[in-house]
Amino acid sequence: MPRFASLPFDILLLVIEQACVDGGLTGRSLALTCKSLHETSHHSRYFSVKITFRKTPQQLVQFLACYTASQAQAAELRGPRPRIRHLFLTAGRLEPASDASPELQRFHDAVRALLALAAADLHSLTLRNDFHRDLPAAARLPLPAALLGATRFPSLRALSLDRGAGHFAPRLSDADAGLSDPDGLGKPSANASLAALPRLARLEIADGAETADLACWARRAPALTHFRLWGLDCGRRDGTRGRAGKLGQRDVARLAPSRGALGGGLFVGLEKLIVEPGPWPARAGDGESRLVRRRRARHQEVIWELESVHREAEMRWALLPARRAAGADEERARAEREWGTEVEGTLDKWEVEERWVERTPETYGSYVWRGPSKSA
């Protein structure tokens, strides 16, 4: 049987690319196997990259130094240029006793440098600003604001943003709220200069600040086929946007209009829509305040509005039960697992049980408040 490293070069490259989908571990291991594989895997070593700052706050700086050196080596040898196809990037964290201001600026500069290097080749991008939410705020380094809004990502197929990572997205801030088009009336938008994402097919956003201009998303990503909205804000009964431009149930109705409505949805090619409301307001200790009861009643009213949108929609889409509030470790594990399925091409996070698509009394009965065990 021929040795693995003796396979034809083109076939070996394909095998290595399919293997390097775990955030960098396989690529590093292949580079250390032997001289032949070290050279052959050079092009694909950075195929998938995961930067979470768990082991060291300097992970991004160290990676940038390694990646730029590899690019320089490839240019010198006139070989294939290393490319990043899949990137998982979180907010950073501070070294103990570090001065936050200069560290934050260096972190932002490094993030911008990385995305500028990777933008042309990225197929999937996951930004997690809430990854280290269990750390004190003073120990976290948030992703930079206005992150590459005008940068071109010509090959990007999948984009995932959590709360606070919406700086990448069309934003609805106080400064440009009067210029955006929340009602789809064709008004000019302050987001009109954002670069197009011509190949973006799968978009996942959490209901957080600065992700609310759906009309801009439709212009920026005309080829979108999959849209997933989780943590939908259920705090406003009228369905309008809350503070910082959070999405409401009226926005869901614009994504999946009712039967007989004039015109179609915002995304003409949309095939799959998944909506997951945010967690139910939880109890505070052993008692339950009047404020919590009011919030829970408002939450239930919004769920009923979503049920109505779901029942009357022309397209079939999935309305999931409210997401259970989870701890930081569980959310981190979930984020990394879902990114892994995206990179491997299994797309498990887009598969939902048929009962959440069906429009039956049994399905709608699953969305009511069931007590603290469902929200804690």
Protein backbone atom coordinates (compact mmCIF):
# COMPACT_ATOMS: atom_id res chain seq x y z
CA MET A 1 0.00 0.00 0.00
CA PRO A 2 1.47 3.40 -0.94
CA ARG A 3 2.33 5.79 1.82
CA PHE A 4 -0.09 8.67 2.43
CA ALA A 5 2.55 11.30 1.67
CA SER A 6 3.34 9.63 -1.69
CA LEU A 7 -0.12 10.34 -3.16
CA PRO A 8 -0.23 12.71 -6.14
CA PHE A 9 0.13 16.32 -5.00
CA ASP A 10 -3.32 17.48 -6.19
CA ILE A 11 -5.09 14.57 -4.48
CA LEU A 12 -3.08 15.05 -1.30
CA LEU A 13 -4.10 18.73 -1.18
CA LEU A 14 -7.78 17.79 -1.43
CA VAL A 15 -7.45 15.23 1.36
CA ILE A 16 -5.65 17.69 3.63
CA GLU A 17 -8.24 20.42 3.00
CA GLN A 18 -11.04 18.04 3.97
CA ALA A 19 -9.14 17.06 7.13
CA CYS A 20 -8.31 20.59 8.33
CA VAL A 21 -11.77 21.47 9.64
CA ASP A 22 -11.21 21.43 13.41
CA GLY A 23 -9.90 24.91 14.09
CA GLY A 24 -6.23 24.23 13.42
CA LEU A 25 -5.32 21.09 15.39
CA THR A 26 -5.06 18.80 12.35
CA GLY A 27 -3.13 21.40 10.35
CA ARG A 28 -0.57 21.81 13.12
CA SER A 29 -0.28 18.06 13.58
CA LEU A 30 0.33 17.47 9.88
CA ALA A 31 3.01 20.15 9.87
CA LEU A 32 4.88 18.26 12.61
CA THR A 33 4.56 14.80 11.05
CA CYS A 34 7.40 14.89 8.53
CA LYS A 35 9.17 17.31 6.23
CA SER A 36 7.17 16.20 3.19
CA LEU A 37 3.79 16.72 4.85
CA HIS A 38 4.99 19.93 6.44
CA GLU A 39 5.55 21.38 2.99
CA THR A 40 2.49 19.84 1.37
CA SER A 41 0.09 20.95 4.12
CA HIS A 42 1.43 24.50 4.15
CA HIS A 43 -1.29 25.75 1.80
CA SER A 44 -4.16 24.19 3.83
CA ARG A 45 -2.81 24.54 7.34
CA TYR A 46 -5.01 27.55 8.03
CA PHE A 47 -8.11 26.21 6.30
CA SER A 48 -10.13 26.54 9.55
CA VAL A 49 -9.02 28.79 12.39
CA LYS A 50 -10.55 29.15 15.85
CA ILE A 51 -9.33 31.98 18.08
CA THR A 52 -10.97 32.04 21.52
CA PHE A 53 -8.15 33.34 23.82
CA ARG A 54 -8.79 30.53 26.29
CA LYS A 55 -5.15 29.51 26.68
CA THR A 56 -3.55 32.91 26.25
CA PRO A 57 -4.75 36.48 25.71
CA GLN A 58 -1.97 36.78 23.12
CA GLN A 59 -3.42 34.10 20.83
CA LEU A 60 -4.42 36.52 18.06
CA VAL A 61 -1.06 38.33 18.02
CA GLN A 62 0.80 35.01 17.92
CA PHE A 63 -1.42 33.69 15.14
CA LEU A 64 -0.98 36.82 13.04
CA ALA A 65 2.80 36.55 13.31
CA CYS A 66 2.68 32.90 12.23
CA TYR A 67 0.22 33.51 9.40
CA THR A 68 2.06 36.48 7.89
CA ALA A 69 5.35 34.54 8.09
CA SER A 70 3.73 31.63 6.23
CA GLN A 71 2.46 33.98 3.53
CA ALA A 72 5.91 35.50 3.13
CA GLN A 73 7.45 32.02 2.88
CA ALA A 74 4.94 31.00 0.20
CA ALA A 75 5.68 34.15 -1.80
CA GLU A 76 9.42 33.52 -1.56
CA LEU A 77 9.04 29.92 -2.75
CA ARG A 78 6.38 30.90 -5.31
CA GLY A 79 4.07 28.29 -3.87
CA PRO A 80 0.30 28.37 -3.14
CA ARG A 81 -0.65 31.13 -0.73
CA PRO A 82 -2.05 30.01 2.65
CA ARG A 83 -5.75 30.84 2.92
CA ILE A 84 -8.26 31.01 5.76
CA ARG A 85 -11.58 29.52 4.66
CA HIS A 86 -13.40 29.30 8.02
CA LEU A 87 -12.84 31.66 10.96
CA PHE A 88 -14.24 31.53 14.50
CA LEU A 89 -13.27 34.69 16.39
CA THR A 90 -14.34 35.80 19.86
CA ALA A 91 -13.86 38.86 22.00
CA GLY A 92 -10.48 38.99 23.70
CA ARG A 93 -9.48 39.05 27.33
CA LEU A 94 -6.90 40.98 29.31
CA GLU A 95 -3.79 39.71 30.99
CA PRO A 96 -4.02 40.16 34.77
CA ALA A 97 -2.94 43.65 35.87
CA SER A 98 -2.87 44.93 32.27
CA ASP A 99 -3.82 48.47 31.30
CA ALA A 100 -7.10 48.18 29.38
CA SER A 101 -6.80 51.20 27.06
CA PRO A 102 -3.61 50.33 25.10
CA GLU A 103 -4.47 46.62 25.15
CA LEU A 104 -7.90 47.32 23.67
CA GLN A 105 -6.42 49.39 20.85
CA ARG A 106 -3.84 46.70 20.07
CA PHE A 107 -6.58 44.08 20.08
CA HIS A 108 -8.76 46.09 17.70
CA ASP A 109 -5.81 46.68 15.37
CA ALA A 110 -5.05 42.95 15.34
CA VAL A 111 -8.69 42.01 14.62
CA ARG A 112 -8.86 44.44 11.70
CA ALA A 113 -5.53 43.19 10.36
CA LEU A 114 -6.69 39.56 10.52
CA LEU A 115 -9.99 40.19 8.73
CA ALA A 116 -8.27 42.33 6.11
CA LEU A 117 -5.91 39.41 5.37
CA ALA A 118 -8.67 36.80 5.36
CA ALA A 119 -11.60 38.65 3.76
CA ALA A 120 -10.98 37.64 0.15
CA ASP A 121 -10.87 33.90 0.91
CA LEU A 122 -13.35 33.39 3.77
CA HIS A 123 -16.22 30.97 3.23
CA SER A 124 -17.63 31.19 6.75
CA LEU A 125 -17.21 33.70 9.55
CA THR A 126 -18.41 33.40 13.15
CA LEU A 127 -18.05 36.35 15.52
CA ARG A 128 -18.77 35.79 19.21
CA ASN A 129 -18.59 38.96 21.29
CA ASP A 130 -20.36 37.35 24.27
CA PHE A 131 -18.00 34.35 24.51
CA HIS A 132 -16.34 35.43 27.78
CA ARG A 133 -19.43 36.89 29.47
CA ASP A 134 -18.55 35.10 32.72
CA LEU A 135 -15.49 37.34 33.09
CA PRO A 136 -15.75 40.80 34.69
CA ALA A 137 -16.44 43.49 32.11
CA ALA A 138 -13.09 45.12 32.87
CA ALA A 139 -11.28 41.91 31.86
CA ARG A 140 -12.94 41.61 28.43
CA LEU A 141 -11.86 43.14 25.13
CA PRO A 142 -14.92 43.59 22.88
CA LEU A 143 -14.67 43.26 19.14
CA PRO A 144 -14.19 46.64 17.45
CA ALA A 145 -17.18 48.74 16.46
CA ALA A 146 -18.00 49.41 12.79
CA LEU A 147 -16.10 46.25 11.92
CA LEU A 148 -15.28 46.22 8.20
CA GLY A 149 -18.66 47.39 7.04
CA ALA A 150 -17.22 48.48 3.68
CA THR A 151 -14.82 45.53 3.27
CA ARG A 152 -15.56 43.09 0.47
CA PHE A 153 -16.09 39.42 1.34
CA PRO A 154 -16.60 38.03 -2.17
CA SER A 155 -16.59 34.34 -1.20
CA LEU A 156 -18.41 34.45 2.15
CA ARG A 157 -21.18 31.83 2.28
CA ALA A 158 -22.07 31.73 5.98
CA LEU A 159 -22.10 34.44 8.64
CA SER A 160 -22.97 34.04 12.33
CA LEU A 161 -23.16 36.93 14.79
CA ASP A 162 -24.02 36.81 18.47
CA ARG A 163 -25.15 39.64 20.73
CA GLY A 164 -22.76 42.54 20.47
CA ALA A 165 -21.08 41.20 17.33
CA GLY A 166 -23.53 43.02 15.11
CA HIS A 167 -20.99 45.74 14.38
CA PHE A 168 -20.30 43.74 11.21
CA ALA A 169 -23.97 44.04 10.27
CA PRO A 170 -26.24 46.79 8.97
CA ARG A 171 -26.93 48.81 12.05
CA LEU A 172 -29.80 50.92 13.26
CA SER A 173 -28.32 53.43 15.66
CA ASP A 174 -29.77 56.63 17.07
CA ALA A 175 -27.72 58.60 14.56
CA ASP A 176 -29.16 56.97 11.45
CA ALA A 177 -32.55 55.69 12.65
CA GLY A 178 -34.24 58.44 10.67
CA LEU A 179 -32.48 57.36 7.48
CA SER A 180 -33.09 53.63 7.65
CA ASP A 181 -36.11 51.90 6.23
CA PRO A 182 -37.81 49.84 8.98
CA ASP A 183 -41.16 49.84 7.18
CA GLY A 184 -39.87 48.88 3.72
CA LEU A 185 -41.01 52.12 2.11
CA GLY A 186 -37.96 52.59 -0.05
CA LYS A 187 -36.40 55.38 2.02
CA PRO A 188 -32.66 55.98 1.65
CA SER A 189 -30.53 54.19 4.21
CA ALA A 190 -27.38 55.21 6.04
CA ASN A 191 -26.22 51.63 5.40
CA ALA A 192 -26.28 52.04 1.61
CA SER A 193 -22.47 52.18 1.44
CA LEU A 194 -21.96 48.79 3.11
CA ALA A 195 -20.20 46.31 0.84
CA ALA A 196 -22.28 43.61 -0.82
CA LEU A 197 -22.04 39.97 0.26
CA PRO A 198 -22.87 38.44 -3.14
CA ARG A 199 -22.47 34.77 -2.17
CA LEU A 200 -23.83 34.85 1.37
CA ALA A 201 -26.39 32.05 1.64
CA ARG A 202 -26.69 31.40 5.40
CA LEU A 203 -27.11 34.16 7.96
CA GLU A 204 -27.49 33.67 11.71
CA ILE A 205 -27.91 36.60 14.08
CA ALA A 206 -28.81 36.92 17.72
CA ASP A 207 -31.29 39.58 18.68
CA GLY A 208 -28.85 42.20 19.80
CA ALA A 209 -27.92 45.76 19.03
CA GLU A 210 -27.16 46.94 15.51
CA THR A 211 -28.54 44.01 13.53
CA ALA A 212 -31.97 45.36 12.80
CA ASP A 213 -31.92 46.86 9.31
CA LEU A 214 -33.39 43.89 7.45
CA ALA A 215 -33.92 45.91 4.28
CA CYS A 216 -30.18 46.56 4.18
CA TRP A 217 -29.47 42.88 4.77
CA ALA A 218 -31.69 42.10 1.78
CA ARG A 219 -29.75 44.51 -0.42
CA ARG A 220 -26.39 43.38 0.87
CA ALA A 221 -27.07 39.62 0.63
CA PRO A 222 -29.41 39.04 -2.34
CA ALA A 223 -28.51 35.33 -2.57
CA LEU A 224 -29.56 34.48 1.01
CA THR A 225 -31.40 31.16 1.34
CA HIS A 226 -31.17 30.42 5.10
CA PHE A 227 -31.94 32.88 7.91
CA ARG A 228 -31.80 32.01 11.60
CA LEU A 229 -32.79 34.49 14.30
CA TRP A 230 -32.31 33.41 17.89
CA GLY A 231 -32.89 35.18 21.18
CA LEU A 232 -35.67 37.29 19.63
CA ASP A 233 -36.58 40.20 21.89
CA CYS A 234 -40.05 39.58 23.34
CA GLY A 235 -40.06 42.68 25.51
CA ARG A 236 -42.23 44.86 23.27
CA ARG A 237 -45.89 44.05 22.77
CA ASP A 238 -46.31 46.27 19.68
CA GLY A 239 -43.66 44.37 17.73
CA THR A 240 -41.57 47.46 17.03
CA ARG A 241 -37.89 47.63 17.71
CA GLY A 242 -36.72 48.22 21.20
CA ARG A 243 -33.65 50.10 22.29
CA ALA A 244 -30.55 49.76 20.10
CA GLY A 245 -32.59 48.49 17.16
CA LYS A 246 -33.56 45.04 18.40
CA LEU A 247 -35.73 43.00 16.11
CA GLY A 248 -39.40 42.37 16.85
CA GLN A 249 -42.18 40.12 15.60
CA ARG A 250 -43.12 42.60 12.88
CA ASP A 251 -39.70 42.00 11.36
CA VAL A 252 -40.44 38.27 11.30
CA ALA A 253 -43.64 39.07 9.38
CA ARG A 254 -41.53 40.90 6.81
CA LEU A 255 -39.37 37.81 6.40
CA ALA A 256 -42.37 35.49 6.04
CA PRO A 257 -45.40 37.54 4.89
CA SER A 258 -48.91 36.17 5.17
CA ARG A 259 -50.80 34.47 2.37
CA GLY A 260 -52.28 37.02 -0.01
CA ALA A 261 -49.98 39.84 1.13
CA LEU A 262 -48.86 42.27 -1.56
CA GLY A 263 -45.31 41.53 -2.67
CA GLY A 264 -43.05 38.83 -1.28
CA GLY A 265 -40.65 38.64 1.62
CA LEU A 266 -37.53 40.72 1.89
CA PHE A 267 -35.33 37.83 0.69
CA VAL A 268 -36.76 36.54 -2.58
CA GLY A 269 -34.75 33.31 -2.46
CA LEU A 270 -35.34 32.47 1.19
CA GLU A 271 -35.83 28.71 1.64
CA LYS A 272 -35.48 28.21 5.38
CA LEU A 273 -36.36 30.53 8.25
CA ILE A 274 -35.81 29.58 11.91
CA VAL A 275 -36.91 31.87 14.73
CA GLU A 276 -36.11 31.16 18.37
CA PRO A 277 -37.47 33.61 21.00
CA GLY A 278 -35.29 34.67 23.89
CA PRO A 279 -35.55 33.03 27.33
CA TRP A 280 -38.58 33.60 29.51
CA PRO A 281 -38.08 36.17 32.30
CA ALA A 282 -36.89 34.15 35.28
CA ARG A 283 -37.76 34.23 38.95
CA ALA A 284 -35.64 36.32 41.27
CA GLY A 285 -34.81 34.03 44.18
CA ASP A 286 -37.71 32.37 45.94
CA GLY A 287 -40.15 35.18 45.27
CA GLU A 288 -41.45 36.70 42.10
CA SER A 289 -41.75 40.44 41.64
CA ARG A 290 -44.61 42.23 39.92
CA LEU A 291 -42.12 43.40 37.28
CA VAL A 292 -41.17 39.81 36.41
CA ARG A 293 -44.84 38.85 36.13
CA ARG A 294 -45.48 41.80 33.80
CA ARG A 295 -42.48 40.88 31.67
CA ARG A 296 -43.61 37.28 31.47
CA ALA A 297 -47.13 38.33 30.43
CA ARG A 298 -45.65 40.60 27.75
CA HIS A 299 -43.38 37.78 26.62
CA GLN A 300 -46.39 35.46 26.25
CA GLU A 301 -48.30 38.08 24.24
CA VAL A 302 -45.38 38.39 21.83
CA ILE A 303 -45.24 34.60 21.49
CA TRP A 304 -48.93 34.63 20.54
CA GLU A 305 -48.20 37.28 17.92
CA LEU A 306 -45.41 35.10 16.53
CA GLU A 307 -47.81 32.15 16.44
CA SER A 308 -50.18 34.26 14.35
CA VAL A 309 -47.40 35.20 11.93
CA HIS A 310 -46.37 31.54 11.76
CA ARG A 311 -49.94 30.34 11.13
CA GLU A 312 -50.69 32.87 8.37
CA ALA A 313 -47.35 32.83 6.54
CA GLU A 314 -47.17 31.79 2.91
CA MET A 315 -43.89 29.89 3.43
CA ARG A 316 -43.38 27.13 5.98
CA TRP A 317 -40.88 28.14 8.64
CA ALA A 318 -39.81 26.95 12.06
CA LEU A 319 -40.87 28.70 15.26
CA LEU A 320 -38.89 27.10 18.09
CA PRO A 321 -39.72 27.28 21.81
CA ALA A 322 -38.00 30.01 23.79
CA ARG A 323 -34.30 29.31 24.18
CA ARG A 324 -33.38 28.14 27.65
CA ALA A 325 -31.08 30.52 29.49
CA ALA A 326 -27.69 28.82 29.73
CA GLY A 327 -24.44 29.37 31.54
CA ALA A 328 -21.32 30.68 29.86
CA ASP A 329 -19.66 27.26 29.54
CA GLU A 330 -22.75 25.74 27.91
CA GLU A 331 -23.10 28.62 25.47
CA ARG A 332 -19.41 28.37 24.54
CA ALA A 333 -19.71 24.64 23.91
CA ARG A 334 -22.82 25.16 21.80
CA ALA A 335 -21.20 27.91 19.73
CA GLU A 336 -18.11 25.82 19.01
CA ARG A 337 -20.17 22.72 18.20
CA GLU A 338 -22.39 24.59 15.76
CA TRP A 339 -19.37 26.18 14.10
CA GLY A 340 -17.85 22.72 13.68
CA THR A 341 -20.93 21.45 11.85
CA GLU A 342 -20.82 24.50 9.57
CA VAL A 343 -17.18 23.89 8.69
CA GLU A 344 -17.67 20.17 8.17
CA GLY A 345 -20.64 20.86 5.92
CA THR A 346 -23.19 18.88 7.94
CA LEU A 347 -25.30 22.00 8.69
CA ASP A 348 -26.98 20.29 11.67
CA LYS A 349 -28.04 23.60 13.17
CA TRP A 350 -30.34 24.19 10.21
CA GLU A 351 -32.21 20.93 10.78
CA VAL A 352 -35.20 21.22 13.11
CA GLU A 353 -37.96 18.86 14.14
CA GLU A 354 -40.94 18.93 11.80
CA ARG A 355 -43.31 19.70 14.66
CA TRP A 356 -41.88 23.24 14.92
CA VAL A 357 -42.82 23.81 11.29
CA GLU A 358 -46.31 22.33 11.59
CA ARG A 359 -49.23 24.64 12.39
CA THR A 360 -51.12 22.57 14.95
CA PRO A 361 -52.64 23.24 18.39
CA GLU A 362 -50.14 20.77 19.88
CA THR A 363 -47.25 22.78 18.48
CA TYR A 364 -48.57 26.11 19.66
CA GLY A 365 -49.30 24.64 23.07
CA SER A 366 -45.55 24.06 23.47
CA TYR A 367 -44.79 27.77 23.61
CA VAL A 368 -46.60 28.64 26.85
CA TRP A 369 -44.87 29.32 30.20
CA ARG A 370 -44.19 26.04 31.99
CA GLY A 371 -42.51 27.26 35.13
CA PRO A 372 -38.96 28.17 36.22
CA SER A 373 -37.40 24.90 35.03
CA LYS A 374 -37.90 26.03 31.43
CA SER A 375 -36.32 29.43 31.86
CA ALA A 376 -33.47 28.83 34.24
